[in-house]
Amino acid sequence: NCNNSFHHVALCDLYKLRVSTTCVGCSKSDRLCFSLAVPLPLPAHLVVFTRGAWGAYSAGSFVSVEMRVPGAVKAQPLGTLSAENRSLVWEGEWTDEFLEAAETLYHVLFSMKSALTLHLLQRKRSHQSTEDGPDTPPGSLHLAKQSRICRKLHQAGSPASSTPGEPFRSTGASPALPSARWGHSLCLIDPQTVILIGGQGHRMTFCKDPIWKLHIENNSWLPAETVATGKTPECRIGHTATFDSEMRRIYVFGGSKNGKWFSDMHILDMATWKWQLVEAKGKVPPLAYHSSTLFRHELFVFGGVFPLPNPQPDGCSNQLYIFNPQHSIWYQPIVVGDLPCPRSGHSMILLKNKLVIFGGWDAPMCFSDLHVLDLGFMEYAPVQVQGAVPSPRCWHASAPVSDNRMIIHGGYNGQRALTDTHIFNVDTSEWTQLTSDPFGSVPRAGHSILALASLDGGAEAKREGATGGHEVLSTLLVFGGGDNEGGFYNDVSLVPLRAILE
């Protein structure tokens, strides 16, 4: 609504982040102000350019470009634009104050916005010399050197994971630990061994130690990237890793990294510790933040985020895709019934030949609905849910705790990370909220829970395995995640299943 001939200011960065342009108004003085929202985390590159009739302004007018973050006292200058220099490329480093303020504001899922502000400084029509340019020459930057501010990560024994009382039990520290992370994948390859793949950590940097092996009995971590041969999958977030106990293989599918989306299928043969990139037939879109499970030797993948051409926002899926490892082919089954809404960041657990899908999000909506896909009929059966339904959430952790029950913990509701724990019984369609928190009071989202088999042959809980037979479960293992306030975890905790089910 500004009556001026300065058309607009456009912004883009090298990662093609979505931005919005807002005119924040004009003062009655010579100074005009334009503001654009920039999604967090703070970008590594900025390209700022102008369009319009510069001739409508007096000689020597220029645009001062600066970045503001709520909570930071001072704006950070990025440079200036003028009739002679109508664009600038910024590739500097943010000040410590900016990094701290941005980290405080950063939300795990919903991008809060920092503001790129441009001030049009129009010279008054006087006899001032045109050599009296701005303090900062056009296009130049004077930035403070960034120091490495490192927020303490929550490891076993740190205040964030200190003893909240039984039945929570920290396994203690080990000489080598994976970096703290969220959005990773975790899979159990035998009763005493867990494989960790991928993830993202402090300041949203991708982990440089993407693959680890955990020996549960002595709580020792071993970097596994150097052990495996073949082409290791590029580090990513929002992927899935699913273990086939009969074939002794891990299937790693999808995910994303810095605006790059993956639809590749990597297989890690646990007998040879060799990676294989599968040239699969059939069609499957690039997906991230989907869910997957193994059923009758095939990989079932549901939901997730997929990219759309700019300037459209990323889309969410509600489709089911199946990968057949024997023939290396993707296909879509015919599914009947009422499909769930498109979503990502949800959970999907296999119970009694049924896929139980819960929660997730499709911005700006978070879900608390539950859907059951009967794999015998390939039909979504209506569910009349009983009990206290969990609040809407995504990025929660989930695991089967018996043949007919699953557990969910934590997650993110669009504002904060959660701490509550719920159990769903697929036979009675009933939710039960645990009054005491077996995982402690630390908020977590993007973490993992695994159900471990009993070490002593006890029969705390039984469930039918994906390939037949029964597994005896006794313990839940919890790893990683974030608190939505800049903290990430790399602690391992074991929770007795008996204390949860009783």
Protein backbone atom coordinates (compact mmCIF):
# COMPACT_ATOMS: atom_id res chain seq x y z
CA ASN A 1 0.00 0.00 0.00
CA CYS A 2 2.97 2.30 -0.47
CA ASN A 3 2.60 5.07 -3.00
CA ASN A 4 6.05 4.87 -4.50
CA SER A 5 7.60 3.60 -7.68
CA PHE A 6 10.01 1.21 -5.92
CA HIS A 7 8.28 -1.94 -7.07
CA HIS A 8 9.53 -4.67 -4.75
CA VAL A 9 12.53 -6.42 -3.35
CA ALA A 10 13.10 -10.12 -4.05
CA LEU A 11 15.13 -12.59 -2.05
CA CYS A 12 16.35 -16.09 -2.73
CA ASP A 13 19.06 -18.33 -1.28
CA LEU A 14 20.93 -21.24 -2.73
CA TYR A 15 18.77 -23.82 -0.95
CA LYS A 16 15.51 -22.42 -2.41
CA LEU A 17 13.89 -21.83 0.96
CA ARG A 18 10.35 -20.45 0.82
CA VAL A 19 10.17 -16.79 1.74
CA SER A 20 7.42 -14.24 2.05
CA THR A 21 7.60 -10.54 1.13
CA THR A 22 5.94 -7.97 3.33
CA CYS A 23 5.88 -4.20 3.08
CA VAL A 24 5.96 -3.02 6.66
CA GLY A 25 4.92 0.51 5.80
CA CYS A 26 6.34 3.88 4.90
CA SER A 27 7.13 6.73 7.21
CA LYS A 28 6.39 10.29 6.33
CA SER A 29 10.09 10.98 6.21
CA ASP A 30 12.50 10.07 3.46
CA ARG A 31 12.99 6.56 4.76
CA LEU A 32 11.10 3.58 3.33
CA CYS A 33 11.31 0.12 4.86
CA PHE A 34 10.77 -3.27 3.25
CA SER A 35 10.87 -6.53 5.20
CA LEU A 36 11.05 -10.16 4.07
CA ALA A 37 10.69 -13.29 6.20
CA VAL A 38 13.57 -15.76 6.07
CA PRO A 39 12.96 -19.29 7.43
CA LEU A 40 15.33 -20.54 10.08
CA PRO A 41 17.94 -21.95 10.42
CA LEU A 42 19.94 -18.95 9.27
CA PRO A 43 21.02 -19.44 5.64
CA ALA A 44 24.62 -19.75 4.58
CA HIS A 45 24.04 -17.67 1.45
CA LEU A 46 21.82 -14.72 0.56
CA VAL A 47 21.16 -13.07 -2.79
CA VAL A 48 19.41 -9.69 -2.58
CA PHE A 49 18.40 -7.69 -5.63
CA THR A 50 16.13 -4.77 -6.51
CA ARG A 51 13.76 -3.86 -9.31
CA GLY A 52 12.21 -0.51 -9.99
CA ALA A 53 12.71 2.97 -11.30
CA TRP A 54 15.76 4.14 -9.43
CA GLY A 55 15.54 7.35 -11.41
CA ALA A 56 12.50 8.34 -9.38
CA TYR A 57 14.80 8.95 -6.43
CA SER A 58 17.41 11.60 -6.03
CA ALA A 59 21.00 10.91 -6.93
CA GLY A 60 22.91 9.05 -4.26
CA SER A 61 19.92 7.15 -2.85
CA PHE A 62 20.80 3.69 -1.62
CA VAL A 63 19.28 0.69 0.14
CA SER A 64 20.83 -0.53 3.38
CA VAL A 65 20.35 -4.28 3.87
CA GLU A 66 20.43 -5.83 7.33
CA MET A 67 19.19 -8.95 9.10
CA ARG A 68 17.17 -8.87 12.30
CA VAL A 69 16.31 -11.77 14.62
CA PRO A 70 13.83 -11.27 17.49
CA GLY A 71 15.88 -11.45 20.66
CA ALA A 72 19.03 -10.04 19.09
CA VAL A 73 19.72 -6.50 20.25
CA LYS A 74 21.44 -5.29 17.10
CA ALA A 75 20.72 -5.89 13.45
CA GLN A 76 23.53 -7.39 11.41
CA PRO A 77 24.42 -5.35 8.29
CA LEU A 78 24.71 -7.29 5.05
CA GLY A 79 25.57 -4.54 2.58
CA THR A 80 23.96 -1.86 0.44
CA LEU A 81 22.23 -1.56 -2.92
CA SER A 82 22.18 1.43 -5.24
CA ALA A 83 21.43 2.38 -8.83
CA GLU A 84 24.96 1.30 -9.72
CA ASN A 85 24.93 -1.86 -7.56
CA ARG A 86 21.46 -3.40 -7.74
CA SER A 87 22.31 -6.82 -6.30
CA LEU A 88 24.56 -8.36 -3.69
CA VAL A 89 25.61 -11.87 -2.75
CA TRP A 90 26.25 -12.45 0.94
CA GLU A 91 28.39 -15.40 2.03
CA GLY A 92 29.54 -14.31 5.46
CA GLU A 93 29.20 -15.60 9.00
CA TRP A 94 26.55 -14.66 11.52
CA THR A 95 27.50 -12.95 14.75
CA ASP A 96 27.43 -14.86 18.02
CA GLU A 97 24.43 -12.85 19.17
CA PHE A 98 22.50 -13.81 16.06
CA LEU A 99 23.33 -17.49 16.39
CA GLU A 100 22.19 -17.55 20.02
CA ALA A 101 18.95 -15.70 19.25
CA ALA A 102 18.19 -17.89 16.23
CA GLU A 103 18.87 -21.09 18.19
CA THR A 104 16.48 -19.95 20.92
CA LEU A 105 13.73 -19.26 18.39
CA TYR A 106 14.24 -22.31 16.24
CA HIS A 107 11.36 -24.80 16.23
CA VAL A 108 11.98 -28.38 15.08
CA LEU A 109 9.20 -28.47 12.52
CA PHE A 110 7.55 -25.09 11.98
CA SER A 111 9.97 -22.52 10.64
CA MET A 112 9.84 -19.36 12.65
CA LYS A 113 10.93 -16.34 10.67
CA SER A 114 13.79 -13.92 10.99
CA ALA A 115 13.48 -10.65 9.15
CA LEU A 116 15.61 -9.26 6.37
CA THR A 117 15.09 -5.52 6.43
CA LEU A 118 15.94 -3.09 3.67
CA HIS A 119 15.95 0.64 4.33
CA LEU A 120 15.75 3.02 1.39
CA LEU A 121 17.83 6.03 2.29
CA GLN A 122 16.82 8.79 -0.11
CA ARG A 123 19.11 11.78 -0.16
CA LYS A 124 17.46 15.15 0.15
CA ARG A 125 17.67 17.34 -2.90
CA SER A 126 20.45 19.56 -1.73
CA HIS A 127 23.90 20.57 -2.80
CA GLN A 128 25.53 17.68 -0.92
CA SER A 129 28.38 16.03 -2.75
CA THR A 130 27.49 12.74 -4.40
CA GLU A 131 30.72 11.39 -2.98
CA ASP A 132 29.19 11.33 0.50
CA GLY A 133 28.23 7.70 0.14
CA PRO A 134 27.06 5.33 2.88
CA ASP A 135 29.38 4.26 5.68
CA THR A 136 29.44 0.78 4.22
CA PRO A 137 30.44 0.75 0.55
CA PRO A 138 27.87 -0.92 -1.74
CA GLY A 139 28.15 -4.66 -1.58
CA SER A 140 30.82 -4.76 1.12
CA LEU A 141 30.42 -6.53 4.45
CA HIS A 142 31.95 -5.91 7.85
CA LEU A 143 30.99 -8.91 9.95
CA ALA A 144 32.18 -10.11 13.33
CA LYS A 145 34.05 -13.41 13.25
CA GLN A 146 31.75 -16.23 14.31
CA SER A 147 32.86 -18.18 17.35
CA ARG A 148 31.83 -21.75 17.92
CA ILE A 149 29.08 -21.52 20.48
CA CYS A 150 28.26 -25.06 21.51
CA ARG A 151 25.28 -25.76 23.68
CA LYS A 152 25.95 -28.68 25.99
CA LEU A 153 24.34 -31.81 24.62
CA HIS A 154 22.27 -34.04 26.83
CA GLN A 155 24.23 -37.19 27.35
CA ALA A 156 23.77 -39.88 29.92
CA GLY A 157 24.63 -38.32 33.24
CA SER A 158 23.94 -34.74 32.15
CA PRO A 159 21.28 -32.63 33.94
CA ALA A 160 18.79 -33.27 31.16
CA SER A 161 18.99 -37.00 31.60
CA SER A 162 19.67 -37.20 35.31
CA THR A 163 17.88 -39.81 37.33
CA PRO A 164 14.14 -39.09 37.39
CA GLY A 165 13.48 -42.21 39.43
CA GLU A 166 12.72 -45.79 38.56
CA PRO A 167 11.87 -47.39 36.21
CA PHE A 168 14.02 -45.04 34.09
CA ARG A 169 17.61 -46.32 33.97
CA SER A 170 20.50 -44.71 32.17
CA THR A 171 23.08 -47.15 30.86
CA GLY A 172 25.94 -44.75 31.56
CA ALA A 173 28.62 -43.39 29.29
CA SER A 174 30.93 -45.28 27.01
CA PRO A 175 34.33 -44.20 25.65
CA ALA A 176 32.96 -43.50 22.14
CA LEU A 177 29.57 -41.97 21.54
CA PRO A 178 27.66 -40.92 18.43
CA SER A 179 26.99 -37.22 18.17
CA ALA A 180 23.64 -36.02 19.51
CA ARG A 181 20.92 -36.08 16.87
CA TRP A 182 17.28 -36.34 15.89
CA GLY A 183 15.55 -37.61 12.74
CA HIS A 184 17.84 -40.64 12.59
CA SER A 185 16.84 -44.27 12.16
CA LEU A 186 17.49 -47.09 14.61
CA CYS A 187 17.00 -50.81 14.05
CA LEU A 188 17.62 -53.95 16.08
CA ILE A 189 19.58 -56.61 14.18
CA ASP A 190 19.84 -59.14 17.03
CA PRO A 191 18.89 -59.16 20.74
CA GLN A 192 22.14 -57.40 21.67
CA THR A 193 22.96 -55.17 18.67
CA VAL A 194 21.45 -51.94 17.37
CA ILE A 195 22.38 -50.05 14.19
CA LEU A 196 22.09 -46.24 14.09
CA ILE A 197 21.94 -44.48 10.71
CA GLY A 198 21.88 -40.77 9.82
CA GLY A 199 20.34 -37.82 11.60
CA GLN A 200 20.84 -34.15 12.22
CA GLY A 201 22.22 -32.36 15.26
CA HIS A 202 23.35 -29.06 16.71
CA ARG A 203 22.51 -26.02 14.56
CA MET A 204 20.79 -28.39 12.13
CA THR A 205 24.08 -29.75 10.82
CA PHE A 206 24.09 -33.25 9.38
CA CYS A 207 26.00 -35.79 11.41
CA LYS A 208 29.53 -36.46 10.25
CA ASP A 209 29.40 -39.83 12.03
CA PRO A 210 26.30 -41.27 10.32
CA ILE A 211 26.56 -45.00 11.11
CA TRP A 212 27.12 -46.63 14.51
CA LYS A 213 26.72 -50.06 16.07
CA LEU A 214 25.61 -50.35 19.70
CA HIS A 215 26.37 -53.44 21.77
CA ILE A 216 23.62 -53.33 24.37
CA GLU A 217 25.09 -55.78 26.88
CA ASN A 218 28.19 -53.71 27.61
CA ASN A 219 26.80 -50.39 26.33
CA SER A 220 29.62 -49.81 23.85
CA TRP A 221 29.34 -47.88 20.61
CA LEU A 222 31.43 -48.70 17.54
CA PRO A 223 31.62 -46.42 14.47
CA ALA A 224 30.37 -48.72 11.74
CA GLU A 225 30.97 -46.60 8.65
CA THR A 226 34.58 -47.77 8.43
CA VAL A 227 33.57 -51.41 8.93
CA ALA A 228 31.08 -51.60 6.06
CA THR A 229 32.21 -51.73 2.44
CA GLY A 230 30.50 -50.50 -0.68
CA LYS A 231 28.89 -47.12 -1.31
CA THR A 232 27.56 -45.76 1.98
CA PRO A 233 24.28 -43.81 1.74
CA GLU A 234 24.70 -40.06 1.87
CA CYS A 235 23.91 -38.75 5.35
CA ARG A 236 20.28 -37.71 5.58
CA ILE A 237 17.30 -37.06 7.79
CA GLY A 238 13.73 -38.35 7.64
CA HIS A 239 14.70 -41.69 6.11
CA THR A 240 13.76 -45.15 7.35
CA ALA A 241 15.94 -48.19 8.10
CA THR A 242 14.12 -51.52 8.33
CA PHE A 243 15.70 -54.85 9.24
CA ASP A 244 14.78 -58.14 7.57
CA SER A 245 15.64 -60.81 10.16
CA GLU A 246 15.46 -63.72 7.70
CA MET A 247 17.56 -62.16 4.94
CA ARG A 248 19.79 -60.37 7.47
CA ARG A 249 19.50 -57.10 5.58
CA ILE A 250 18.77 -53.47 6.43
CA TYR A 251 16.70 -51.51 3.89
CA VAL A 252 17.40 -47.76 3.96
CA PHE A 253 14.94 -45.69 1.96
CA GLY A 254 14.31 -42.01 1.25
CA GLY A 255 15.05 -38.98 3.38
CA SER A 256 16.33 -35.51 2.57
CA LYS A 257 19.40 -33.31 2.96
CA ASN A 258 19.66 -29.56 2.38
CA GLY A 259 16.82 -29.43 -0.12
CA LYS A 260 17.88 -32.65 -1.82
CA TRP A 261 15.28 -35.43 -1.73
CA PHE A 262 15.99 -39.13 -1.99
CA SER A 263 14.06 -42.04 -3.48
CA ASP A 264 17.02 -44.39 -3.46
CA MET A 265 17.06 -47.82 -1.86
CA HIS A 266 20.24 -48.92 -0.09
CA ILE A 267 20.66 -52.41 1.33
CA LEU A 268 23.22 -53.32 3.99
CA ASP A 269 23.97 -57.04 4.07
CA MET A 270 24.74 -57.84 7.71
CA ALA A 271 26.53 -61.08 6.81
CA THR A 272 29.14 -59.32 4.67
CA TRP A 273 28.72 -55.74 5.96
CA LYS A 274 28.48 -54.56 2.36
CA TRP A 275 26.28 -51.75 1.05
CA GLN A 276 24.39 -52.09 -2.21
CA LEU A 277 22.54 -49.34 -4.09
CA VAL A 278 19.55 -51.02 -5.70
CA GLU A 279 18.45 -50.00 -9.19
CA ALA A 280 14.80 -50.64 -8.48
CA LYS A 281 12.09 -50.87 -11.09
CA GLY A 282 8.69 -49.28 -10.71
CA LYS A 283 7.81 -45.79 -9.52
CA VAL A 284 8.12 -44.30 -6.06
CA PRO A 285 8.44 -40.57 -5.37
CA PRO A 286 11.21 -39.04 -3.28
CA LEU A 287 9.92 -39.23 0.28
CA ALA A 288 11.07 -38.06 3.68
CA TYR A 289 9.54 -38.35 7.16
CA HIS A 290 7.52 -41.35 5.99
CA SER A 291 7.08 -44.65 7.85
CA SER A 292 8.03 -48.18 6.88
CA THR A 293 7.72 -51.73 8.13
CA LEU A 294 8.43 -55.23 6.84
CA PHE A 295 5.54 -57.61 6.18
CA ARG A 296 5.90 -61.01 4.52
CA HIS A 297 9.34 -60.13 3.14
CA GLU A 298 8.17 -56.88 1.53
CA LEU A 299 8.77 -53.30 2.65
CA PHE A 300 5.61 -51.24 3.21
CA VAL A 301 6.09 -47.45 3.03
CA PHE A 302 3.32 -45.00 3.93
CA GLY A 303 2.99 -41.21 3.80
CA GLY A 304 5.80 -38.70 3.99
CA VAL A 305 6.79 -35.39 2.43
CA PHE A 306 7.67 -35.02 -1.24
CA PRO A 307 8.96 -31.99 -3.18
CA LEU A 308 6.87 -29.94 -5.59
CA PRO A 309 8.12 -27.45 -8.21
CA ASN A 310 8.80 -23.95 -6.90
CA PRO A 311 7.09 -21.86 -5.69
CA GLN A 312 4.71 -24.53 -4.41
CA PRO A 313 5.23 -25.79 -0.85
CA ASP A 314 6.26 -29.40 -0.30
CA GLY A 315 3.38 -31.85 -0.40
CA CYS A 316 2.39 -34.69 1.92
CA SER A 317 1.40 -38.18 0.83
CA ASN A 318 -1.22 -40.66 2.02
CA GLN A 319 -0.23 -43.37 -0.42
CA LEU A 320 1.09 -46.85 0.32
CA TYR A 321 4.08 -48.13 -1.65
CA ILE A 322 5.53 -51.63 -1.46
CA PHE A 323 9.08 -52.68 -2.31
CA ASN A 324 9.68 -56.30 -3.27
CA PRO A 325 13.37 -57.10 -2.59
CA GLN A 326 13.32 -60.37 -4.52
CA HIS A 327 12.46 -58.62 -7.80
CA SER A 328 13.77 -55.14 -6.85
CA ILE A 329 10.50 -53.52 -7.83
CA TRP A 330 8.17 -50.89 -6.36
CA TYR A 331 4.42 -51.17 -6.77
CA GLN A 332 1.23 -49.72 -5.32
CA PRO A 333 -1.41 -52.13 -4.01
CA ILE A 334 -5.12 -51.56 -4.43
CA VAL A 335 -6.36 -50.25 -1.08
CA VAL A 336 -10.01 -49.69 -0.18
CA GLY A 337 -11.71 -47.85 2.66
CA ASP A 338 -11.27 -44.30 3.92
CA LEU A 339 -7.66 -43.29 3.50
CA PRO A 340 -5.95 -41.19 6.18
CA CYS A 341 -5.28 -37.56 5.37
CA PRO A 342 -1.86 -36.92 3.82
CA ARG A 343 0.77 -36.62 6.54
CA SER A 344 4.39 -36.96 7.58
CA GLY A 345 6.18 -37.42 10.89
CA HIS A 346 3.59 -40.03 11.89
CA SER A 347 4.09 -43.52 13.30
CA MET A 348 3.16 -46.89 11.79
CA ILE A 349 3.31 -50.11 13.80
CA LEU A 350 2.55 -53.66 12.64
CA LEU A 351 0.23 -55.50 15.06
CA LYS A 352 -1.57 -58.74 14.17
CA ASN A 353 -1.29 -58.24 10.40
CA LYS A 354 -2.59 -54.71 10.79
CA LEU A 355 -0.80 -51.44 10.19
CA VAL A 356 -1.68 -48.95 12.93
CA ILE A 357 -1.05 -45.37 11.78
CA PHE A 358 -1.14 -42.53 14.29
CA GLY A 359 -0.57 -38.77 14.32
CA GLY A 360 1.73 -36.82 12.05
CA TRP A 361 1.38 -33.43 10.44
CA ASP A 362 0.65 -31.61 7.21
CA ALA A 363 1.56 -27.99 7.92
CA PRO A 364 0.01 -26.26 9.71
CA MET A 365 -2.07 -29.18 11.05
CA CYS A 366 -0.97 -31.74 13.63
CA PHE A 367 -3.04 -34.93 13.88
CA SER A 368 -4.19 -37.19 16.70
CA ASP A 369 -6.29 -39.55 14.59
CA LEU A 370 -5.65 -43.28 14.33
CA HIS A 371 -6.15 -45.52 11.29
CA VAL A 372 -5.88 -49.29 10.92
CA LEU A 373 -5.06 -50.95 7.60
CA ASP A 374 -6.02 -54.63 7.55
CA LEU A 375 -3.32 -56.25 5.42
CA GLY A 376 -5.44 -59.35 4.83
CA PHE A 377 -8.14 -57.37 3.01
CA MET A 378 -6.00 -54.30 2.18
CA GLU A 379 -8.76 -52.21 3.66
CA TYR A 380 -8.78 -49.27 6.03
CA ALA A 381 -11.20 -50.36 8.71
CA PRO A 382 -13.08 -47.70 10.71
CA VAL A 383 -11.88 -47.43 14.31
CA GLN A 384 -14.11 -46.31 17.18
CA VAL A 385 -11.38 -45.20 19.54
CA GLN A 386 -11.95 -45.49 23.28
CA GLY A 387 -10.13 -43.97 26.24
CA ALA A 388 -8.01 -40.84 26.51
CA VAL A 389 -6.80 -40.01 23.00
CA PRO A 390 -3.30 -38.48 22.91
CA SER A 391 -3.07 -34.83 21.94
CA PRO A 392 -2.09 -34.02 18.32
CA ARG A 393 1.58 -34.61 17.63
CA CYS A 394 4.25 -35.60 15.17
CA TRP A 395 7.83 -36.84 15.51
CA HIS A 396 6.86 -39.03 18.44
CA ALA A 397 8.58 -42.37 19.04
CA SER A 398 6.64 -45.62 18.92
CA ALA A 399 7.19 -49.36 19.29
CA PRO A 400 5.17 -52.57 19.77
CA VAL A 401 5.08 -53.74 23.38
CA SER A 402 3.08 -56.93 22.85
CA ASP A 403 1.19 -58.81 20.17
CA ASN A 404 -1.70 -56.34 20.37
CA ARG A 405 -0.34 -53.17 21.96
CA MET A 406 1.91 -50.31 20.93
CA ILE A 407 3.44 -47.43 22.85
CA ILE A 408 4.00 -43.81 21.79
CA HIS A 409 6.12 -41.28 23.63
CA GLY A 410 6.82 -37.57 23.29
CA GLY A 411 6.75 -35.81 19.96
CA TYR A 412 6.08 -32.25 18.85
CA ASN A 413 2.73 -30.44 18.81
CA GLY A 414 3.68 -27.42 16.73
CA GLN A 415 4.78 -25.39 19.75
CA ARG A 416 6.86 -27.58 22.03
CA ALA A 417 8.30 -31.04 22.54
CA LEU A 418 6.21 -33.41 24.66
CA THR A 419 6.91 -35.86 27.49
CA ASP A 420 3.72 -37.93 27.84
CA THR A 421 3.37 -41.67 27.13
CA HIS A 422 0.36 -43.60 25.81
CA ILE A 423 -0.46 -47.23 24.97
CA PHE A 424 -2.95 -48.37 22.32
CA ASN A 425 -4.63 -51.79 22.32
CA VAL A 426 -5.61 -52.83 18.80
CA ASP A 427 -8.04 -55.49 20.10
CA THR A 428 -10.10 -53.09 22.22
CA SER A 429 -9.29 -49.90 20.24
CA GLU A 430 -8.52 -48.25 23.56
CA TRP A 431 -5.93 -45.64 24.49
CA THR A 432 -4.39 -45.57 27.96
CA GLN A 433 -2.22 -42.74 29.21
CA LEU A 434 0.47 -43.65 31.72
CA THR A 435 0.17 -41.60 34.89
CA SER A 436 3.89 -41.87 35.61
CA ASP A 437 6.44 -41.16 32.90
CA PRO A 438 8.70 -44.20 32.48
CA PHE A 439 11.06 -42.25 30.20
CA GLY A 440 11.65 -39.32 32.53
CA SER A 441 10.46 -35.74 32.28
CA VAL A 442 12.78 -34.66 29.45
CA PRO A 443 10.85 -33.44 26.37
CA ARG A 444 11.83 -35.35 23.25
CA ALA A 445 10.91 -35.30 19.59
CA GLY A 446 12.50 -37.10 16.66
CA HIS A 447 13.86 -39.83 18.93
CA SER A 448 13.63 -43.64 18.67
CA ILE A 449 12.22 -46.44 20.80
CA LEU A 450 13.06 -50.12 20.25
CA ALA A 451 11.48 -53.15 21.91
CA LEU A 452 14.20 -55.57 23.03
CA ALA A 453 13.86 -59.31 23.49
CA SER A 454 14.18 -60.78 26.97
CA LEU A 455 17.68 -61.74 28.09
CA ASP A 456 16.59 -64.20 30.76
CA GLY A 457 13.83 -66.03 28.92
CA GLY A 458 11.09 -64.31 30.90
CA ALA A 459 7.68 -63.76 29.38
CA GLU A 460 6.91 -60.13 30.11
CA ALA A 461 5.23 -59.64 26.72
CA LYS A 462 4.85 -61.56 23.50
CA ARG A 463 4.16 -60.41 19.98
CA GLU A 464 3.95 -62.15 16.65
CA GLY A 465 6.98 -61.36 14.52
CA ALA A 466 6.78 -59.98 11.01
CA THR A 467 7.88 -63.33 9.59
CA GLY A 468 5.90 -65.55 11.93
CA GLY A 469 6.59 -66.96 15.39
CA HIS A 470 6.64 -64.98 18.62
CA GLU A 471 9.11 -62.59 20.17
CA VAL A 472 9.50 -62.26 23.94
CA LEU A 473 9.88 -58.59 24.85
CA SER A 474 11.14 -57.27 28.16
CA THR A 475 12.81 -53.88 27.70
CA LEU A 476 12.45 -50.65 25.75
CA LEU A 477 15.52 -48.81 24.50
CA VAL A 478 15.33 -45.03 23.96
CA PHE A 479 17.88 -43.02 21.99
CA GLY A 480 18.37 -39.48 20.75
CA GLY A 481 15.91 -36.76 19.82
CA GLY A 482 15.72 -33.06 20.52
CA ASP A 483 13.93 -30.74 22.96
CA ASN A 484 12.88 -28.09 20.38
CA GLU A 485 14.99 -25.51 22.21
CA GLY A 486 18.32 -26.21 20.56
CA GLY A 487 19.25 -29.24 22.67
CA PHE A 488 19.86 -32.66 21.14
CA TYR A 489 20.43 -36.01 22.85
CA ASN A 490 22.76 -38.96 22.41
CA ASP A 491 21.95 -40.84 25.61
CA VAL A 492 20.81 -44.47 25.69
CA SER A 493 18.19 -45.46 28.26
CA LEU A 494 16.65 -48.84 29.07
CA VAL A 495 13.14 -49.05 30.51
CA PRO A 496 11.78 -52.36 31.89
CA LEU A 497 8.60 -53.25 30.04
CA ARG A 498 7.10 -54.79 33.16
CA ALA A 499 6.90 -51.39 34.81
CA ILE A 500 4.93 -50.02 31.85
CA LEU A 501 2.44 -52.83 31.34
CA GLU A 502 1.56 -53.46 34.97
